Amino acid sequence: MGPKFDPYLNFQADGSLDTCGPTNFSPHDVVFKLTHVRLKDQANTQVEQAFNPPPALFGNGDLMWEGDIPRGKAKTLVPGPARATGKGRVLHRNGKEEDIEWANDVMLANPSTFLAGKST
């Protein structure tokens, strides 16, 4: 299993931030549970969100994981480059569970500014 973040994470109309990406299940994976997301923006503001209970995805293939950062936390983030880190747990077909962590650079985007011609 090799989950990733989508390159663009979008602020929603209600002010929350949609965090998501491909799960990248392998043939030996059964269940993926997202437990934690952390974002650090270009102003070094850091926001963390735990998911309890964690959302679960079953199967293999190109499924997407998703977890929202609520408006109260997301409003402190600045649109633009950011570093995203995720944590989760995967259950393999052999019955063993494994904690996984991944990170990648993302762009925090505010779609409401797209038509206005602004880049952030």
C-alpha atoms as a PDB file:
ATOM      1  CA  MET A   1       0.000   0.000   0.000  1.00  0.00           C
ATOM      2  CA  GLY A   2       1.327   3.406  -0.912  1.00  0.00           C
ATOM      3  CA  PRO A   3      -1.180   6.206  -0.293  1.00  0.00           C
ATOM      4  CA  LYS A   4      -0.390   9.687  -1.533  1.00  0.00           C
ATOM      5  CA  PHE A   5      -1.878  13.173  -1.380  1.00  0.00           C
ATOM      6  CA  ASP A   6      -3.402  14.739  -4.478  1.00  0.00           C
ATOM      7  CA  PRO A   7      -1.114  17.536  -5.723  1.00  0.00           C
ATOM      8  CA  TYR A   8      -3.846  20.157  -5.127  1.00  0.00           C
ATOM      9  CA  LEU A   9      -5.850  20.228  -1.894  1.00  0.00           C
ATOM     10  CA  ASN A  10      -8.851  22.507  -2.213  1.00  0.00           C
ATOM     11  CA  PHE A  11     -10.537  24.761   0.311  1.00  0.00           C
ATOM     12  CA  GLN A  12     -14.298  24.173   0.207  1.00  0.00           C
ATOM     13  CA  ALA A  13     -17.019  26.842   0.119  1.00  0.00           C
ATOM     14  CA  ASP A  14     -17.633  26.340   3.867  1.00  0.00           C
ATOM     15  CA  GLY A  15     -13.948  27.011   4.655  1.00  0.00           C
ATOM     16  CA  SER A  16     -12.924  23.401   5.318  1.00  0.00           C
ATOM     17  CA  LEU A  17      -9.986  21.837   3.476  1.00  0.00           C
ATOM     18  CA  ASP A  18     -10.494  18.662   1.459  1.00  0.00           C
ATOM     19  CA  THR A  19      -7.516  16.330   1.908  1.00  0.00           C
ATOM     20  CA  CYS A  20      -7.475  13.312  -0.366  1.00  0.00           C
ATOM     21  CA  GLY A  21      -5.431  11.112  -2.638  1.00  0.00           C
ATOM     22  CA  PRO A  22      -5.087   7.635  -4.100  1.00  0.00           C
ATOM     23  CA  THR A  23      -4.871   4.681  -1.718  1.00  0.00           C
ATOM     24  CA  ASN A  24      -2.761   2.532  -4.071  1.00  0.00           C
ATOM     25  CA  PHE A  25      -3.936  -0.799  -2.643  1.00  0.00           C
ATOM     26  CA  SER A  26      -1.727  -3.782  -3.417  1.00  0.00           C
ATOM     27  CA  PRO A  27      -3.174  -7.265  -4.094  1.00  0.00           C
ATOM     28  CA  HIS A  28      -2.280  -8.218  -0.501  1.00  0.00           C
ATOM     29  CA  ASP A  29      -4.168  -5.339   1.165  1.00  0.00           C
ATOM     30  CA  VAL A  30      -7.734  -5.685   2.464  1.00  0.00           C
ATOM     31  CA  VAL A  31      -8.604  -2.549   4.467  1.00  0.00           C
ATOM     32  CA  PHE A  32      -7.087   0.919   4.791  1.00  0.00           C
ATOM     33  CA  LYS A  33      -8.020   3.257   7.656  1.00  0.00           C
ATOM     34  CA  LEU A  34      -6.980   6.920   7.642  1.00  0.00           C
ATOM     35  CA  THR A  35      -6.037   7.998  11.173  1.00  0.00           C
ATOM     36  CA  HIS A  36      -4.222  11.342  10.940  1.00  0.00           C
ATOM     37  CA  VAL A  37      -3.358  14.213   8.574  1.00  0.00           C
ATOM     38  CA  ARG A  38      -0.919  17.073   9.212  1.00  0.00           C
ATOM     39  CA  LEU A  39      -0.316  20.109   6.987  1.00  0.00           C
ATOM     40  CA  LYS A  40       2.396  22.742   7.228  1.00  0.00           C
ATOM     41  CA  ASP A  41       1.938  25.759   4.937  1.00  0.00           C
ATOM     42  CA  GLN A  42       4.455  28.247   3.518  1.00  0.00           C
ATOM     43  CA  ALA A  43       4.023  30.490   6.590  1.00  0.00           C
ATOM     44  CA  ASN A  44       5.013  27.493   8.807  1.00  0.00           C
ATOM     45  CA  THR A  45       1.488  27.226  10.202  1.00  0.00           C
ATOM     46  CA  GLN A  46       0.831  23.623  11.135  1.00  0.00           C
ATOM     47  CA  VAL A  47      -2.607  22.017  11.374  1.00  0.00           C
ATOM     48  CA  GLU A  48      -3.343  18.466  12.481  1.00  0.00           C
ATOM     49  CA  GLN A  49      -6.523  16.432  12.233  1.00  0.00           C
ATOM     50  CA  ALA A  50      -7.124  13.015  13.807  1.00  0.00           C
ATOM     51  CA  PHE A  51      -9.927  10.811  12.503  1.00  0.00           C
ATOM     52  CA  ASN A  52     -11.724   8.818  15.178  1.00  0.00           C
ATOM     53  CA  PRO A  53     -13.279   6.586  14.150  1.00  0.00           C
ATOM     54  CA  PRO A  54     -11.054   6.407  11.098  1.00  0.00           C
ATOM     55  CA  PRO A  55     -12.778   6.166   7.718  1.00  0.00           C
ATOM     56  CA  ALA A  56     -12.188   2.713   6.200  1.00  0.00           C
ATOM     57  CA  LEU A  57     -11.746   1.708   2.559  1.00  0.00           C
ATOM     58  CA  PHE A  58     -11.996  -1.898   1.388  1.00  0.00           C
ATOM     59  CA  GLY A  59     -10.637  -3.635  -1.684  1.00  0.00           C
ATOM     60  CA  ASN A  60      -7.823  -3.074  -4.065  1.00  0.00           C
ATOM     61  CA  GLY A  61      -7.439  -0.825  -7.040  1.00  0.00           C
ATOM     62  CA  ASP A  62      -7.400   2.916  -7.488  1.00  0.00           C
ATOM     63  CA  LEU A  63      -9.633   3.981  -4.607  1.00  0.00           C
ATOM     64  CA  MET A  64      -9.301   7.457  -3.135  1.00  0.00           C
ATOM     65  CA  TRP A  65      -9.018   8.190   0.574  1.00  0.00           C
ATOM     66  CA  GLU A  66     -10.484  11.447   1.912  1.00  0.00           C
ATOM     67  CA  GLY A  67     -10.590  13.371   5.168  1.00  0.00           C
ATOM     68  CA  ASP A  68     -11.702  16.947   5.746  1.00  0.00           C
ATOM     69  CA  ILE A  69      -9.934  19.487   7.936  1.00  0.00           C
ATOM     70  CA  PRO A  70     -12.743  21.526   9.520  1.00  0.00           C
ATOM     71  CA  ARG A  71     -13.133  25.234   8.847  1.00  0.00           C
ATOM     72  CA  GLY A  72     -11.932  26.249  12.322  1.00  0.00           C
ATOM     73  CA  LYS A  73      -8.525  24.663  11.736  1.00  0.00           C
ATOM     74  CA  ALA A  74      -8.286  25.196   7.971  1.00  0.00           C
ATOM     75  CA  LYS A  75      -8.851  28.959   8.161  1.00  0.00           C
ATOM     76  CA  THR A  76      -5.358  29.401   9.650  1.00  0.00           C
ATOM     77  CA  LEU A  77      -3.702  27.904   6.535  1.00  0.00           C
ATOM     78  CA  VAL A  78      -2.369  30.073   3.716  1.00  0.00           C
ATOM     79  CA  PRO A  79      -3.095  29.046   0.087  1.00  0.00           C
ATOM     80  CA  GLY A  80       0.068  28.036  -1.755  1.00  0.00           C
ATOM     81  CA  PRO A  81       2.817  25.436  -1.266  1.00  0.00           C
ATOM     82  CA  ALA A  82       2.563  23.141   1.752  1.00  0.00           C
ATOM     83  CA  ARG A  83       3.884  19.848   3.118  1.00  0.00           C
ATOM     84  CA  ALA A  84       1.291  17.161   3.877  1.00  0.00           C
ATOM     85  CA  THR A  85       1.798  14.103   6.057  1.00  0.00           C
ATOM     86  CA  GLY A  86      -0.692  11.280   6.509  1.00  0.00           C
ATOM     87  CA  LYS A  87      -0.922   8.281   8.789  1.00  0.00           C
ATOM     88  CA  GLY A  88      -3.086   5.221   8.544  1.00  0.00           C
ATOM     89  CA  ARG A  89      -3.377   1.547   9.200  1.00  0.00           C
ATOM     90  CA  VAL A  90      -3.607  -1.265   6.654  1.00  0.00           C
ATOM     91  CA  LEU A  91      -4.882  -4.811   7.137  1.00  0.00           C
ATOM     92  CA  HIS A  92      -3.163  -7.356   4.890  1.00  0.00           C
ATOM     93  CA  ARG A  93      -4.732 -10.587   3.605  1.00  0.00           C
ATOM     94  CA  ASN A  94      -2.451 -12.594   5.928  1.00  0.00           C
ATOM     95  CA  GLY A  95      -4.229 -10.957   8.913  1.00  0.00           C
ATOM     96  CA  LYS A  96      -1.362  -8.677   9.904  1.00  0.00           C
ATOM     97  CA  GLU A  97      -1.944  -4.961  10.450  1.00  0.00           C
ATOM     98  CA  GLU A  98       0.637  -2.328   9.661  1.00  0.00           C
ATOM     99  CA  ASP A  99       0.932   1.376  10.473  1.00  0.00           C
ATOM    100  CA  ILE A 100       1.873   3.427   7.433  1.00  0.00           C
ATOM    101  CA  GLU A 101       2.948   7.030   7.003  1.00  0.00           C
ATOM    102  CA  TRP A 102       3.468   9.098   3.874  1.00  0.00           C
ATOM    103  CA  ALA A 103       4.284  12.680   2.973  1.00  0.00           C
ATOM    104  CA  ASN A 104       4.499  14.849  -0.095  1.00  0.00           C
ATOM    105  CA  ASP A 105       4.478  18.452  -1.192  1.00  0.00           C
ATOM    106  CA  VAL A 106       1.061  19.835  -2.133  1.00  0.00           C
ATOM    107  CA  MET A 107      -0.546  23.083  -3.202  1.00  0.00           C
ATOM    108  CA  LEU A 108      -3.330  24.465  -1.009  1.00  0.00           C
ATOM    109  CA  ALA A 109      -5.773  25.975  -3.481  1.00  0.00           C
ATOM    110  CA  ASN A 110      -8.782  28.221  -3.102  1.00  0.00           C
ATOM    111  CA  PRO A 111     -11.046  27.405  -6.079  1.00  0.00           C
ATOM    112  CA  SER A 112     -13.155  30.527  -5.458  1.00  0.00           C
ATOM    113  CA  THR A 113     -10.216  32.604  -6.763  1.00  0.00           C
ATOM    114  CA  PHE A 114      -9.752  30.606  -9.988  1.00  0.00           C
ATOM    115  CA  LEU A 115     -12.232  32.666 -12.014  1.00  0.00           C
ATOM    116  CA  ALA A 116     -10.934  35.879 -10.498  1.00  0.00           C
ATOM    117  CA  GLY A 117      -7.549  35.244 -12.136  1.00  0.00           C
ATOM    118  CA  LYS A 118      -5.644  34.895  -8.874  1.00  0.00           C
ATOM    119  CA  SER A 119      -3.168  32.069  -8.362  1.00  0.00           C
ATOM    120  CA  THR A 120      -3.941  31.475  -4.665  1.00  0.00           C
END
